[in-house]
Each structure stands twice: as structure tokens, then as C-alpha cells.
Amino acid sequence: MLTARDQLFASHDEFRKLAIEHTLYEKRLDSLTEKRYLTDDEKLEEVRLKKLKLRLKDQMENIQRQYLQQPQQTR
């Protein structure tokens, strides 16, 4: 059985766009954390990416909350 997140990813364009963007930010953050030292620009980028990722996560959770509040028949 698919989770609400999986169902939204398959059927909700905005949710899918946010999830893909979130994954891209996560991959870039991973590449930054693999470095031993970060330049000042990379440190700023890291902070910016963390904030963007959090904003996307909040948006995705809002969509998921609205989805789960819908009556079962309309899903």
C-alpha cells in the first residue's frame, strides 16, 4: 500500500516539484558536508540551502496535511 507521500508524489504536481527540489538541495548539502573545509561562499550556500530545504519541507507537509484531511472518496 502506498503512503500518502507516495500517492502525492504520483498525483500532485506541486508536491512532486517540491520533493524533487528538496532532493536536489539535499544532494548539494551532502557534497558540501563531504568537504573538509568550506570557503566563506560555501558556508553561506550551506546555510541558504538548509533554509530552503526547511521551507520546502514545510510546504510539502502542508500539502500532505490537507490531503490527509480530505474525505477518503476524494483521494
PDB file of N, CA and C in Angstrom:
ATOM      1  N   MET A   1       0.832  -1.183   0.000  1.00  0.00           N
ATOM      2  CA  MET A   1       0.000   0.000   0.000  1.00  0.00           C
ATOM      3  C   MET A   1       0.883   1.255   0.000  1.00  0.00           C
ATOM      4  N   LEU A   2       0.502   2.227  -0.816  1.00  0.00           N
ATOM      5  CA  LEU A   2       1.273   3.455  -0.925  1.00  0.00           C
ATOM      6  C   LEU A   2       1.012   4.377   0.254  1.00  0.00           C
ATOM      7  N   THR A   3       2.064   5.058   0.679  1.00  0.00           N
ATOM      8  CA  THR A   3       1.900   6.062   1.728  1.00  0.00           C
ATOM      9  C   THR A   3       1.278   7.312   1.116  1.00  0.00           C
ATOM     10  N   ALA A   4       0.799   8.201   1.971  1.00  0.00           N
ATOM     11  CA  ALA A   4       0.229   9.460   1.485  1.00  0.00           C
ATOM     12  C   ALA A   4       1.277  10.226   0.685  1.00  0.00           C
ATOM     13  N   ARG A   5       2.506  10.191   1.137  1.00  0.00           N
ATOM     14  CA  ARG A   5       3.598  10.877   0.423  1.00  0.00           C
ATOM     15  C   ARG A   5       3.781  10.284  -0.971  1.00  0.00           C
ATOM     16  N   ASP A   6       3.771   8.961  -1.068  1.00  0.00           N
ATOM     17  CA  ASP A   6       3.918   8.306  -2.370  1.00  0.00           C
ATOM     18  C   ASP A   6       2.754   8.656  -3.298  1.00  0.00           C
ATOM     19  N   GLN A   7       1.545   8.660  -2.748  1.00  0.00           N
ATOM     20  CA  GLN A   7       0.362   8.997  -3.551  1.00  0.00           C
ATOM     21  C   GLN A   7       0.449  10.439  -4.042  1.00  0.00           C
ATOM     22  N   LEU A   8       0.870  11.334  -3.176  1.00  0.00           N
ATOM     23  CA  LEU A   8       1.008  12.733  -3.570  1.00  0.00           C
ATOM     24  C   LEU A   8       2.101  12.904  -4.618  1.00  0.00           C
ATOM     25  N   PHE A   9       3.206  12.196  -4.448  1.00  0.00           N
ATOM     26  CA  PHE A   9       4.290  12.289  -5.418  1.00  0.00           C
ATOM     27  C   PHE A   9       3.814  11.839  -6.800  1.00  0.00           C
ATOM     28  N   ALA A  10       2.966  10.830  -6.821  1.00  0.00           N
ATOM     29  CA  ALA A  10       2.471  10.293  -8.090  1.00  0.00           C
ATOM     30  C   ALA A  10       1.381  11.158  -8.716  1.00  0.00           C
ATOM     31  N   SER A  11       0.619  11.876  -7.904  1.00  0.00           N
ATOM     32  CA  SER A  11      -0.564  12.534  -8.453  1.00  0.00           C
ATOM     33  C   SER A  11      -0.623  14.056  -8.284  1.00  0.00           C
ATOM     34  N   HIS A  12       0.237  14.630  -7.485  1.00  0.00           N
ATOM     35  CA  HIS A  12       0.150  16.064  -7.177  1.00  0.00           C
ATOM     36  C   HIS A  12       1.393  16.765  -7.741  1.00  0.00           C
ATOM     37  N   ASP A  13       1.205  17.544  -8.806  1.00  0.00           N
ATOM     38  CA  ASP A  13       2.331  18.176  -9.495  1.00  0.00           C
ATOM     39  C   ASP A  13       3.167  19.072  -8.590  1.00  0.00           C
ATOM     40  N   GLU A  14       2.520  19.897  -7.801  1.00  0.00           N
ATOM     41  CA  GLU A  14       3.245  20.823  -6.926  1.00  0.00           C
ATOM     42  C   GLU A  14       4.053  20.065  -5.878  1.00  0.00           C
ATOM     43  N   PHE A  15       3.452  19.034  -5.283  1.00  0.00           N
ATOM     44  CA  PHE A  15       4.159  18.225  -4.285  1.00  0.00           C
ATOM     45  C   PHE A  15       5.387  17.568  -4.922  1.00  0.00           C
ATOM     46  N   ARG A  16       5.214  17.027  -6.118  1.00  0.00           N
ATOM     47  CA  ARG A  16       6.314  16.357  -6.821  1.00  0.00           C
ATOM     48  C   ARG A  16       7.448  17.354  -7.092  1.00  0.00           C
ATOM     49  N   LYS A  17       7.097  18.547  -7.552  1.00  0.00           N
ATOM     50  CA  LYS A  17       8.100  19.592  -7.833  1.00  0.00           C
ATOM     51  C   LYS A  17       8.870  19.944  -6.564  1.00  0.00           C
ATOM     52  N   LEU A  18       8.163  20.124  -5.466  1.00  0.00           N
ATOM     53  CA  LEU A  18       8.805  20.453  -4.193  1.00  0.00           C
ATOM     54  C   LEU A  18       9.719  19.321  -3.724  1.00  0.00           C
ATOM     55  N   ALA A  19       9.266  18.088  -3.863  1.00  0.00           N
ATOM     56  CA  ALA A  19      10.053  16.932  -3.418  1.00  0.00           C
ATOM     57  C   ALA A  19      11.342  16.792  -4.237  1.00  0.00           C
ATOM     58  N   ILE A  20      11.240  17.022  -5.531  1.00  0.00           N
ATOM     59  CA  ILE A  20      12.427  16.924  -6.391  1.00  0.00           C
ATOM     60  C   ILE A  20      13.420  18.026  -6.036  1.00  0.00           C
ATOM     61  N   GLU A  21      12.913  19.232  -5.845  1.00  0.00           N
ATOM     62  CA  GLU A  21      13.769  20.356  -5.465  1.00  0.00           C
ATOM     63  C   GLU A  21      14.432  20.085  -4.115  1.00  0.00           C
ATOM     64  N   HIS A  22      13.675  19.533  -3.175  1.00  0.00           N
ATOM     65  CA  HIS A  22      14.203  19.189  -1.848  1.00  0.00           C
ATOM     66  C   HIS A  22      15.352  18.184  -1.982  1.00  0.00           C
ATOM     67  N   THR A  23      15.182  17.207  -2.846  1.00  0.00           N
ATOM     68  CA  THR A  23      16.215  16.192  -3.063  1.00  0.00           C
ATOM     69  C   THR A  23      17.475  16.814  -3.665  1.00  0.00           C
ATOM     70  N   LEU A  24      17.303  17.742  -4.598  1.00  0.00           N
ATOM     71  CA  LEU A  24      18.462  18.417  -5.192  1.00  0.00           C
ATOM     72  C   LEU A  24      19.242  19.203  -4.150  1.00  0.00           C
ATOM     73  N   TYR A  25      18.533  19.902  -3.266  1.00  0.00           N
ATOM     74  CA  TYR A  25      19.198  20.647  -2.198  1.00  0.00           C
ATOM     75  C   TYR A  25      19.920  19.694  -1.256  1.00  0.00           C
ATOM     76  N   GLU A  26      19.283  18.565  -0.971  1.00  0.00           N
ATOM     77  CA  GLU A  26      19.895  17.571  -0.082  1.00  0.00           C
ATOM     78  C   GLU A  26      21.200  17.042  -0.681  1.00  0.00           C
ATOM     79  N   LYS A  27      21.201  16.757  -1.966  1.00  0.00           N
ATOM     80  CA  LYS A  27      22.415  16.252  -2.623  1.00  0.00           C
ATOM     81  C   LYS A  27      23.528  17.287  -2.594  1.00  0.00           C
ATOM     82  N   ARG A  28      23.183  18.547  -2.841  1.00  0.00           N
ATOM     83  CA  ARG A  28      24.199  19.607  -2.798  1.00  0.00           C
ATOM     84  C   ARG A  28      24.738  19.761  -1.378  1.00  0.00           C
ATOM     85  N   LEU A  29      23.873  19.707  -0.382  1.00  0.00           N
ATOM     86  CA  LEU A  29      24.333  19.783   1.007  1.00  0.00           C
ATOM     87  C   LEU A  29      25.257  18.625   1.343  1.00  0.00           C
ATOM     88  N   ASP A  30      24.911  17.436   0.861  1.00  0.00           N
ATOM     89  CA  ASP A  30      25.771  16.271   1.099  1.00  0.00           C
ATOM     90  C   ASP A  30      27.161  16.496   0.513  1.00  0.00           C
ATOM     91  N   SER A  31      27.208  17.072  -0.688  1.00  0.00           N
ATOM     92  CA  SER A  31      28.513  17.311  -1.315  1.00  0.00           C
ATOM     93  C   SER A  31      29.315  18.361  -0.529  1.00  0.00           C
ATOM     94  N   LEU A  32      28.625  19.311   0.068  1.00  0.00           N
ATOM     95  CA  LEU A  32      29.330  20.309   0.880  1.00  0.00           C
ATOM     96  C   LEU A  32      29.840  19.704   2.191  1.00  0.00           C
ATOM     97  N   THR A  33      29.047  18.843   2.804  1.00  0.00           N
ATOM     98  CA  THR A  33      29.466  18.269   4.090  1.00  0.00           C
ATOM     99  C   THR A  33      30.600  17.253   3.919  1.00  0.00           C
ATOM    100  N   GLU A  34      30.802  16.761   2.707  1.00  0.00           N
ATOM    101  CA  GLU A  34      31.914  15.843   2.461  1.00  0.00           C
ATOM    102  C   GLU A  34      33.260  16.568   2.434  1.00  0.00           C
ATOM    103  N   LYS A  35      33.213  17.870   2.222  1.00  0.00           N
ATOM    104  CA  LYS A  35      34.452  18.638   2.169  1.00  0.00           C
ATOM    105  C   LYS A  35      35.008  18.839   3.577  1.00  0.00           C
ATOM    106  N   ARG A  36      36.316  18.841   3.643  1.00  0.00           N
ATOM    107  CA  ARG A  36      36.971  19.040   4.934  1.00  0.00           C
ATOM    108  C   ARG A  36      36.830  20.487   5.396  1.00  0.00           C
ATOM    109  N   TYR A  37      37.007  21.416   4.461  1.00  0.00           N
ATOM    110  CA  TYR A  37      36.888  22.842   4.758  1.00  0.00           C
ATOM    111  C   TYR A  37      35.986  23.499   3.733  1.00  0.00           C
ATOM    112  N   LEU A  38      35.209  24.444   4.187  1.00  0.00           N
ATOM    113  CA  LEU A  38      34.332  25.186   3.289  1.00  0.00           C
ATOM    114  C   LEU A  38      34.828  26.618   3.159  1.00  0.00           C
ATOM    115  N   THR A  39      34.715  27.141   1.943  1.00  0.00           N
ATOM    116  CA  THR A  39      35.017  28.556   1.745  1.00  0.00           C
ATOM    117  C   THR A  39      33.889  29.367   2.382  1.00  0.00           C
ATOM    118  N   ASP A  40      34.099  30.656   2.490  1.00  0.00           N
ATOM    119  CA  ASP A  40      33.053  31.514   3.034  1.00  0.00           C
ATOM    120  C   ASP A  40      31.792  31.435   2.174  1.00  0.00           C
ATOM    121  N   ASP A  41      31.971  31.422   0.866  1.00  0.00           N
ATOM    122  CA  ASP A  41      30.820  31.309  -0.037  1.00  0.00           C
ATOM    123  C   ASP A  41      30.089  29.980   0.149  1.00  0.00           C
ATOM    124  N   GLU A  42      30.837  28.914   0.347  1.00  0.00           N
ATOM    125  CA  GLU A  42      30.221  27.603   0.559  1.00  0.00           C
ATOM    126  C   GLU A  42      29.477  27.555   1.895  1.00  0.00           C
ATOM    127  N   LYS A  43      30.020  28.209   2.894  1.00  0.00           N
ATOM    128  CA  LYS A  43      29.331  28.274   4.194  1.00  0.00           C
ATOM    129  C   LYS A  43      27.997  29.005   4.053  1.00  0.00           C
ATOM    130  N   LEU A  44      28.009  30.104   3.315  1.00  0.00           N
ATOM    131  CA  LEU A  44      26.773  30.844   3.069  1.00  0.00           C
ATOM    132  C   LEU A  44      25.781  30.004   2.271  1.00  0.00           C
ATOM    133  N   GLU A  45      26.298  29.295   1.280  1.00  0.00           N
ATOM    134  CA  GLU A  45      25.437  28.427   0.481  1.00  0.00           C
ATOM    135  C   GLU A  45      24.822  27.330   1.345  1.00  0.00           C
ATOM    136  N   GLU A  46      25.609  26.771   2.244  1.00  0.00           N
ATOM    137  CA  GLU A  46      25.118  25.721   3.129  1.00  0.00           C
ATOM    138  C   GLU A  46      23.953  26.228   3.986  1.00  0.00           C
ATOM    139  N   VAL A  47      24.114  27.402   4.556  1.00  0.00           N
ATOM    140  CA  VAL A  47      23.051  27.987   5.380  1.00  0.00           C
ATOM    141  C   VAL A  47      21.809  28.246   4.535  1.00  0.00           C
ATOM    142  N   ARG A  48      22.017  28.808   3.336  1.00  0.00           N
ATOM    143  CA  ARG A  48      20.895  29.110   2.444  1.00  0.00           C
ATOM    144  C   ARG A  48      20.154  27.842   2.038  1.00  0.00           C
ATOM    145  N   LEU A  49      20.909  26.791   1.706  1.00  0.00           N
ATOM    146  CA  LEU A  49      20.285  25.531   1.299  1.00  0.00           C
ATOM    147  C   LEU A  49      19.494  24.900   2.440  1.00  0.00           C
ATOM    148  N   LYS A  50      20.015  24.981   3.639  1.00  0.00           N
ATOM    149  CA  LYS A  50      19.294  24.427   4.789  1.00  0.00           C
ATOM    150  C   LYS A  50      17.970  25.148   4.995  1.00  0.00           C
ATOM    151  N   LYS A  51      17.972  26.456   4.844  1.00  0.00           N
ATOM    152  CA  LYS A  51      16.740  27.228   4.993  1.00  0.00           C
ATOM    153  C   LYS A  51      15.748  26.899   3.879  1.00  0.00           C
ATOM    154  N   LEU A  52      16.256  26.795   2.652  1.00  0.00           N
ATOM    155  CA  LEU A  52      15.385  26.461   1.520  1.00  0.00           C
ATOM    156  C   LEU A  52      14.784  25.065   1.697  1.00  0.00           C
ATOM    157  N   LYS A  53      15.606  24.129   2.116  1.00  0.00           N
ATOM    158  CA  LYS A  53      15.130  22.765   2.337  1.00  0.00           C
ATOM    159  C   LYS A  53      14.037  22.722   3.394  1.00  0.00           C
ATOM    160  N   LEU A  54      14.226  23.466   4.458  1.00  0.00           N
ATOM    161  CA  LEU A  54      13.232  23.507   5.527  1.00  0.00           C
ATOM    162  C   LEU A  54      11.918  24.122   5.029  1.00  0.00           C
ATOM    163  N   ARG A  55      12.023  25.179   4.236  1.00  0.00           N
ATOM    164  CA  ARG A  55      10.822  25.812   3.683  1.00  0.00           C
ATOM    165  C   ARG A  55      10.065  24.829   2.778  1.00  0.00           C
ATOM    166  N   LEU A  56      10.812  24.100   1.949  1.00  0.00           N
ATOM    167  CA  LEU A  56      10.175  23.111   1.075  1.00  0.00           C
ATOM    168  C   LEU A  56       9.514  22.005   1.885  1.00  0.00           C
ATOM    169  N   LYS A  57      10.192  21.555   2.924  1.00  0.00           N
ATOM    170  CA  LYS A  57       9.632  20.504   3.776  1.00  0.00           C
ATOM    171  C   LYS A  57       8.325  20.973   4.413  1.00  0.00           C
ATOM    172  N   ASP A  58       8.310  22.217   4.883  1.00  0.00           N
ATOM    173  CA  ASP A  58       7.081  22.773   5.466  1.00  0.00           C
ATOM    174  C   ASP A  58       5.954  22.816   4.436  1.00  0.00           C
ATOM    175  N   GLN A  59       6.265  23.233   3.220  1.00  0.00           N
ATOM    176  CA  GLN A  59       5.253  23.288   2.169  1.00  0.00           C
ATOM    177  C   GLN A  59       4.726  21.886   1.850  1.00  0.00           C
ATOM    178  N   MET A  60       5.622  20.919   1.777  1.00  0.00           N
ATOM    179  CA  MET A  60       5.214  19.543   1.488  1.00  0.00           C
ATOM    180  C   MET A  60       4.341  18.991   2.621  1.00  0.00           C
ATOM    181  N   GLU A  61       4.694  19.294   3.853  1.00  0.00           N
ATOM    182  CA  GLU A  61       3.891  18.831   4.989  1.00  0.00           C
ATOM    183  C   GLU A  61       2.510  19.467   4.986  1.00  0.00           C
ATOM    184  N   ASN A  62       2.420  20.726   4.590  1.00  0.00           N
ATOM    185  CA  ASN A  62       1.112  21.381   4.484  1.00  0.00           C
ATOM    186  C   ASN A  62       0.238  20.707   3.433  1.00  0.00           C
ATOM    187  N   ILE A  63       0.824  20.401   2.295  1.00  0.00           N
ATOM    188  CA  ILE A  63       0.076  19.707   1.239  1.00  0.00           C
ATOM    189  C   ILE A  63      -0.376  18.340   1.741  1.00  0.00           C
ATOM    190  N   GLN A  64       0.530  17.630   2.406  1.00  0.00           N
ATOM    191  CA  GLN A  64       0.198  16.294   2.908  1.00  0.00           C
ATOM    192  C   GLN A  64      -0.894  16.367   3.983  1.00  0.00           C
ATOM    193  N   ARG A  65      -0.840  17.359   4.850  1.00  0.00           N
ATOM    194  CA  ARG A  65      -1.854  17.522   5.888  1.00  0.00           C
ATOM    195  C   ARG A  65      -3.225  17.772   5.263  1.00  0.00           C
ATOM    196  N   GLN A  66      -3.273  18.644   4.259  1.00  0.00           N
ATOM    197  CA  GLN A  66      -4.534  18.925   3.560  1.00  0.00           C
ATOM    198  C   GLN A  66      -5.058  17.670   2.876  1.00  0.00           C
ATOM    199  N   TYR A  67      -4.155  16.914   2.283  1.00  0.00           N
ATOM    200  CA  TYR A  67      -4.529  15.677   1.599  1.00  0.00           C
ATOM    201  C   TYR A  67      -5.147  14.678   2.583  1.00  0.00           C
ATOM    202  N   LEU A  68      -4.517  14.543   3.741  1.00  0.00           N
ATOM    203  CA  LEU A  68      -5.000  13.580   4.727  1.00  0.00           C
ATOM    204  C   LEU A  68      -6.322  14.011   5.370  1.00  0.00           C
ATOM    205  N   GLN A  69      -6.632  15.289   5.344  1.00  0.00           N
ATOM    206  CA  GLN A  69      -7.872  15.777   5.909  1.00  0.00           C
ATOM    207  C   GLN A  69      -9.057  15.619   4.951  1.00  0.00           C
ATOM    208  N   GLN A  70      -8.765  15.340   3.692  1.00  0.00           N
ATOM    209  CA  GLN A  70      -9.842  15.133   2.718  1.00  0.00           C
ATOM    210  C   GLN A  70     -10.575  13.834   3.032  1.00  0.00           C
ATOM    211  N   PRO A  71     -11.865  13.801   2.734  1.00  0.00           N
ATOM    212  CA  PRO A  71     -12.590  12.523   2.876  1.00  0.00           C
ATOM    213  C   PRO A  71     -11.963  11.451   1.974  1.00  0.00           C
ATOM    214  N   GLN A  72     -12.031  10.233   2.372  1.00  0.00           N
ATOM    215  CA  GLN A  72     -11.386   9.111   1.668  1.00  0.00           C
ATOM    216  C   GLN A  72     -11.796   9.023   0.197  1.00  0.00           C
ATOM    217  N   GLN A  73     -13.071   9.316  -0.126  1.00  0.00           N
ATOM    218  CA  GLN A  73     -13.548   9.153  -1.509  1.00  0.00           C
ATOM    219  C   GLN A  73     -12.890  10.139  -2.464  1.00  0.00           C
ATOM    220  N   THR A  74     -12.498  11.316  -2.011  1.00  0.00           N
ATOM    221  CA  THR A  74     -11.966  12.315  -2.920  1.00  0.00           C
ATOM    222  C   THR A  74     -10.470  12.144  -3.186  1.00  0.00           C
ATOM    223  N   ARG A  75      -9.846  11.197  -2.559  1.00  0.00           N
ATOM    224  CA  ARG A  75      -8.412  10.978  -2.781  1.00  0.00           C
ATOM    225  C   ARG A  75      -8.177  10.225  -4.019  1.00  0.00           C
TER     226      ARG A  75
END
